[in-house]
Amino acid sequence: MNQFRIRYGPNEHTIGVDRNGVLTVFITSARRDRDGQPIDKCSLELAGLDSESGSHLKWAQYSLEPGDRIEVDVLADGEADPPEIVRKVDPEEEELRKKNYVRKMAAEFGWKLAEG
């Protein structure tokens, strides 16, 4: 199991997934939101996916400011902190989410869908 140790200010997290899965350390900077409205947002998110259980994992999320420092160490096997949030994906909800996304994109492109 690969793990990451992340230090941000006084905060330290060791994230890892015992089984097949994905770990992510996102640093995101956005000037506009999804609707195109101006924002000025910079954030750090520690998350992952347990592929075997289909669960989304989240350890932490922080707002970042200019001058902030983030350290990430790549670790081998060991003990990881438990995630703060574990969200199991409901297959029916996931299918509906995908269908709604396709409908939204079709409308955006002026396409007509034939549903059956």
C-alpha atoms as a PDB file:
ATOM      1  CA  MET A   1       0.000   0.000   0.000  1.00  0.00           C
ATOM      2  CA  ASN A   2       1.328   3.406  -0.890  1.00  0.00           C
ATOM      3  CA  GLN A   3       0.629   6.174   1.537  1.00  0.00           C
ATOM      4  CA  PHE A   4       1.113   9.899   1.648  1.00  0.00           C
ATOM      5  CA  ARG A   5       1.978  11.992   4.687  1.00  0.00           C
ATOM      6  CA  ILE A   6       0.800  15.565   4.204  1.00  0.00           C
ATOM      7  CA  ARG A   7       1.788  18.489   6.402  1.00  0.00           C
ATOM      8  CA  TYR A   8      -0.018  21.801   6.172  1.00  0.00           C
ATOM      9  CA  GLY A   9       0.624  24.286   8.956  1.00  0.00           C
ATOM     10  CA  PRO A  10       0.026  22.507  12.268  1.00  0.00           C
ATOM     11  CA  ASN A  11      -1.990  19.778  10.496  1.00  0.00           C
ATOM     12  CA  GLU A  12      -0.541  16.402   9.572  1.00  0.00           C
ATOM     13  CA  HIS A  13      -2.382  13.511   7.911  1.00  0.00           C
ATOM     14  CA  THR A  14      -1.220  10.091   6.766  1.00  0.00           C
ATOM     15  CA  ILE A  15      -3.605   8.822   4.111  1.00  0.00           C
ATOM     16  CA  GLY A  16      -3.703   5.336   2.630  1.00  0.00           C
ATOM     17  CA  VAL A  17      -5.933   2.595   1.244  1.00  0.00           C
ATOM     18  CA  ASP A  18      -5.324  -1.015   2.342  1.00  0.00           C
ATOM     19  CA  ARG A  19      -6.868  -2.558  -0.760  1.00  0.00           C
ATOM     20  CA  ASN A  20      -7.074  -1.573  -4.412  1.00  0.00           C
ATOM     21  CA  GLY A  21      -7.770   2.101  -4.619  1.00  0.00           C
ATOM     22  CA  VAL A  22      -6.681   5.599  -5.421  1.00  0.00           C
ATOM     23  CA  LEU A  23      -5.181   8.339  -3.248  1.00  0.00           C
ATOM     24  CA  THR A  24      -5.321  11.987  -4.246  1.00  0.00           C
ATOM     25  CA  VAL A  25      -3.786  15.180  -2.924  1.00  0.00           C
ATOM     26  CA  PHE A  26      -5.558  17.950  -4.837  1.00  0.00           C
ATOM     27  CA  ILE A  27      -4.350  21.525  -4.874  1.00  0.00           C
ATOM     28  CA  THR A  28      -6.961  23.519  -6.738  1.00  0.00           C
ATOM     29  CA  SER A  29      -7.004  27.150  -7.773  1.00  0.00           C
ATOM     30  CA  ALA A  30     -10.134  28.579  -9.378  1.00  0.00           C
ATOM     31  CA  ARG A  31     -11.002  32.052 -10.622  1.00  0.00           C
ATOM     32  CA  ARG A  32     -14.542  31.179 -11.707  1.00  0.00           C
ATOM     33  CA  ASP A  33     -17.186  28.793 -10.401  1.00  0.00           C
ATOM     34  CA  ARG A  34     -19.123  26.271 -12.528  1.00  0.00           C
ATOM     35  CA  ASP A  35     -21.589  28.968 -13.559  1.00  0.00           C
ATOM     36  CA  GLY A  36     -18.806  31.294 -14.721  1.00  0.00           C
ATOM     37  CA  GLN A  37     -19.154  33.633 -11.752  1.00  0.00           C
ATOM     38  CA  PRO A  38     -15.906  35.176 -10.462  1.00  0.00           C
ATOM     39  CA  ILE A  39     -14.386  33.595  -7.366  1.00  0.00           C
ATOM     40  CA  ASP A  40     -10.892  33.465  -5.954  1.00  0.00           C
ATOM     41  CA  LYS A  41     -10.486  30.071  -4.374  1.00  0.00           C
ATOM     42  CA  CYS A  42      -7.460  27.938  -3.606  1.00  0.00           C
ATOM     43  CA  SER A  43      -7.827  24.702  -1.671  1.00  0.00           C
ATOM     44  CA  LEU A  44      -6.126  21.498  -0.570  1.00  0.00           C
ATOM     45  CA  GLU A  45      -8.131  18.266  -0.499  1.00  0.00           C
ATOM     46  CA  LEU A  46      -6.967  14.865   0.742  1.00  0.00           C
ATOM     47  CA  ALA A  47      -9.187  12.158  -0.703  1.00  0.00           C
ATOM     48  CA  GLY A  48      -9.314   8.734  -2.260  1.00  0.00           C
ATOM     49  CA  LEU A  49     -11.345   5.810  -3.500  1.00  0.00           C
ATOM     50  CA  ASP A  50     -11.558   2.291  -2.114  1.00  0.00           C
ATOM     51  CA  SER A  51     -12.143   0.462  -5.411  1.00  0.00           C
ATOM     52  CA  GLU A  52     -13.213  -2.795  -3.788  1.00  0.00           C
ATOM     53  CA  SER A  53     -15.995  -1.301  -1.668  1.00  0.00           C
ATOM     54  CA  GLY A  54     -16.781   1.542  -4.079  1.00  0.00           C
ATOM     55  CA  SER A  55     -16.398   4.059  -1.250  1.00  0.00           C
ATOM     56  CA  HIS A  56     -15.206   7.633  -1.653  1.00  0.00           C
ATOM     57  CA  LEU A  57     -12.834   8.646   1.142  1.00  0.00           C
ATOM     58  CA  LYS A  58     -12.039  12.112   2.468  1.00  0.00           C
ATOM     59  CA  TRP A  59      -9.479  12.952   5.115  1.00  0.00           C
ATOM     60  CA  ALA A  60      -9.467  16.748   5.047  1.00  0.00           C
ATOM     61  CA  GLN A  61     -10.033  19.917   3.049  1.00  0.00           C
ATOM     62  CA  TYR A  62      -8.404  23.288   3.679  1.00  0.00           C
ATOM     63  CA  SER A  63      -8.569  26.771   2.161  1.00  0.00           C
ATOM     64  CA  LEU A  64      -5.137  27.986   1.071  1.00  0.00           C
ATOM     65  CA  GLU A  65      -3.644  31.468   1.179  1.00  0.00           C
ATOM     66  CA  PRO A  66      -0.581  32.950  -0.550  1.00  0.00           C
ATOM     67  CA  GLY A  67       2.561  31.884   1.296  1.00  0.00           C
ATOM     68  CA  ASP A  68       1.094  28.613   2.599  1.00  0.00           C
ATOM     69  CA  ARG A  69       3.455  25.651   2.512  1.00  0.00           C
ATOM     70  CA  ILE A  70       2.427  22.037   1.907  1.00  0.00           C
ATOM     71  CA  GLU A  71       4.745  19.055   2.322  1.00  0.00           C
ATOM     72  CA  VAL A  72       3.976  15.614   0.876  1.00  0.00           C
ATOM     73  CA  ASP A  73       5.992  12.480   1.651  1.00  0.00           C
ATOM     74  CA  VAL A  74       5.439   9.246  -0.271  1.00  0.00           C
ATOM     75  CA  LEU A  75       5.523   6.338   2.175  1.00  0.00           C
ATOM     76  CA  ALA A  76       5.498   2.548   1.959  1.00  0.00           C
ATOM     77  CA  ASP A  77       3.240   0.259   3.999  1.00  0.00           C
ATOM     78  CA  GLY A  78       2.151   1.353   7.437  1.00  0.00           C
ATOM     79  CA  GLU A  79      -0.720   2.700   9.475  1.00  0.00           C
ATOM     80  CA  ALA A  80      -2.856   5.410   7.907  1.00  0.00           C
ATOM     81  CA  ASP A  81      -5.246   7.807   9.609  1.00  0.00           C
ATOM     82  CA  PRO A  82      -8.896   6.811   9.204  1.00  0.00           C
ATOM     83  CA  PRO A  83     -10.758   9.053   6.744  1.00  0.00           C
ATOM     84  CA  GLU A  84     -13.123  11.636   8.235  1.00  0.00           C
ATOM     85  CA  ILE A  85     -15.767  10.829   5.618  1.00  0.00           C
ATOM     86  CA  VAL A  86     -16.534   7.485   3.942  1.00  0.00           C
ATOM     87  CA  ARG A  87     -19.292   7.695   1.360  1.00  0.00           C
ATOM     88  CA  LYS A  88     -20.476   4.479  -0.236  1.00  0.00           C
ATOM     89  CA  VAL A  89     -21.649   4.992  -3.805  1.00  0.00           C
ATOM     90  CA  ASP A  90     -25.216   3.809  -4.430  1.00  0.00           C
ATOM     91  CA  PRO A  91     -25.248   2.191  -7.919  1.00  0.00           C
ATOM     92  CA  GLU A  92     -28.737   3.550  -8.673  1.00  0.00           C
ATOM     93  CA  GLU A  93     -27.744   7.084  -7.630  1.00  0.00           C
ATOM     94  CA  GLU A  94     -24.564   6.806  -9.710  1.00  0.00           C
ATOM     95  CA  GLU A  95     -26.541   5.739 -12.793  1.00  0.00           C
ATOM     96  CA  LEU A  96     -28.966   8.639 -12.318  1.00  0.00           C
ATOM     97  CA  ARG A  97     -26.055  11.068 -11.871  1.00  0.00           C
ATOM     98  CA  LYS A  98     -24.488   9.866 -15.132  1.00  0.00           C
ATOM     99  CA  LYS A  99     -27.788  10.113 -17.027  1.00  0.00           C
ATOM    100  CA  ASN A 100     -28.384  13.639 -15.736  1.00  0.00           C
ATOM    101  CA  TYR A 101     -24.867  14.619 -16.802  1.00  0.00           C
ATOM    102  CA  VAL A 102     -25.470  13.295 -20.334  1.00  0.00           C
ATOM    103  CA  ARG A 103     -28.797  15.151 -20.486  1.00  0.00           C
ATOM    104  CA  LYS A 104     -27.123  18.376 -19.361  1.00  0.00           C
ATOM    105  CA  MET A 105     -24.327  18.041 -21.919  1.00  0.00           C
ATOM    106  CA  ALA A 106     -26.799  17.194 -24.699  1.00  0.00           C
ATOM    107  CA  ALA A 107     -28.829  20.313 -23.871  1.00  0.00           C
ATOM    108  CA  GLU A 108     -25.659  22.402 -23.810  1.00  0.00           C
ATOM    109  CA  PHE A 109     -24.758  21.228 -27.327  1.00  0.00           C
ATOM    110  CA  GLY A 110     -28.330  21.487 -28.610  1.00  0.00           C
ATOM    111  CA  TRP A 111     -28.580  17.740 -29.136  1.00  0.00           C
ATOM    112  CA  LYS A 112     -31.806  15.777 -28.833  1.00  0.00           C
ATOM    113  CA  LEU A 113     -31.715  12.487 -26.951  1.00  0.00           C
ATOM    114  CA  ALA A 114     -33.913   9.481 -27.594  1.00  0.00           C
ATOM    115  CA  GLU A 115     -34.342   7.703 -24.277  1.00  0.00           C
ATOM    116  CA  GLY A 116     -35.580   4.176 -24.106  1.00  0.00           C
END
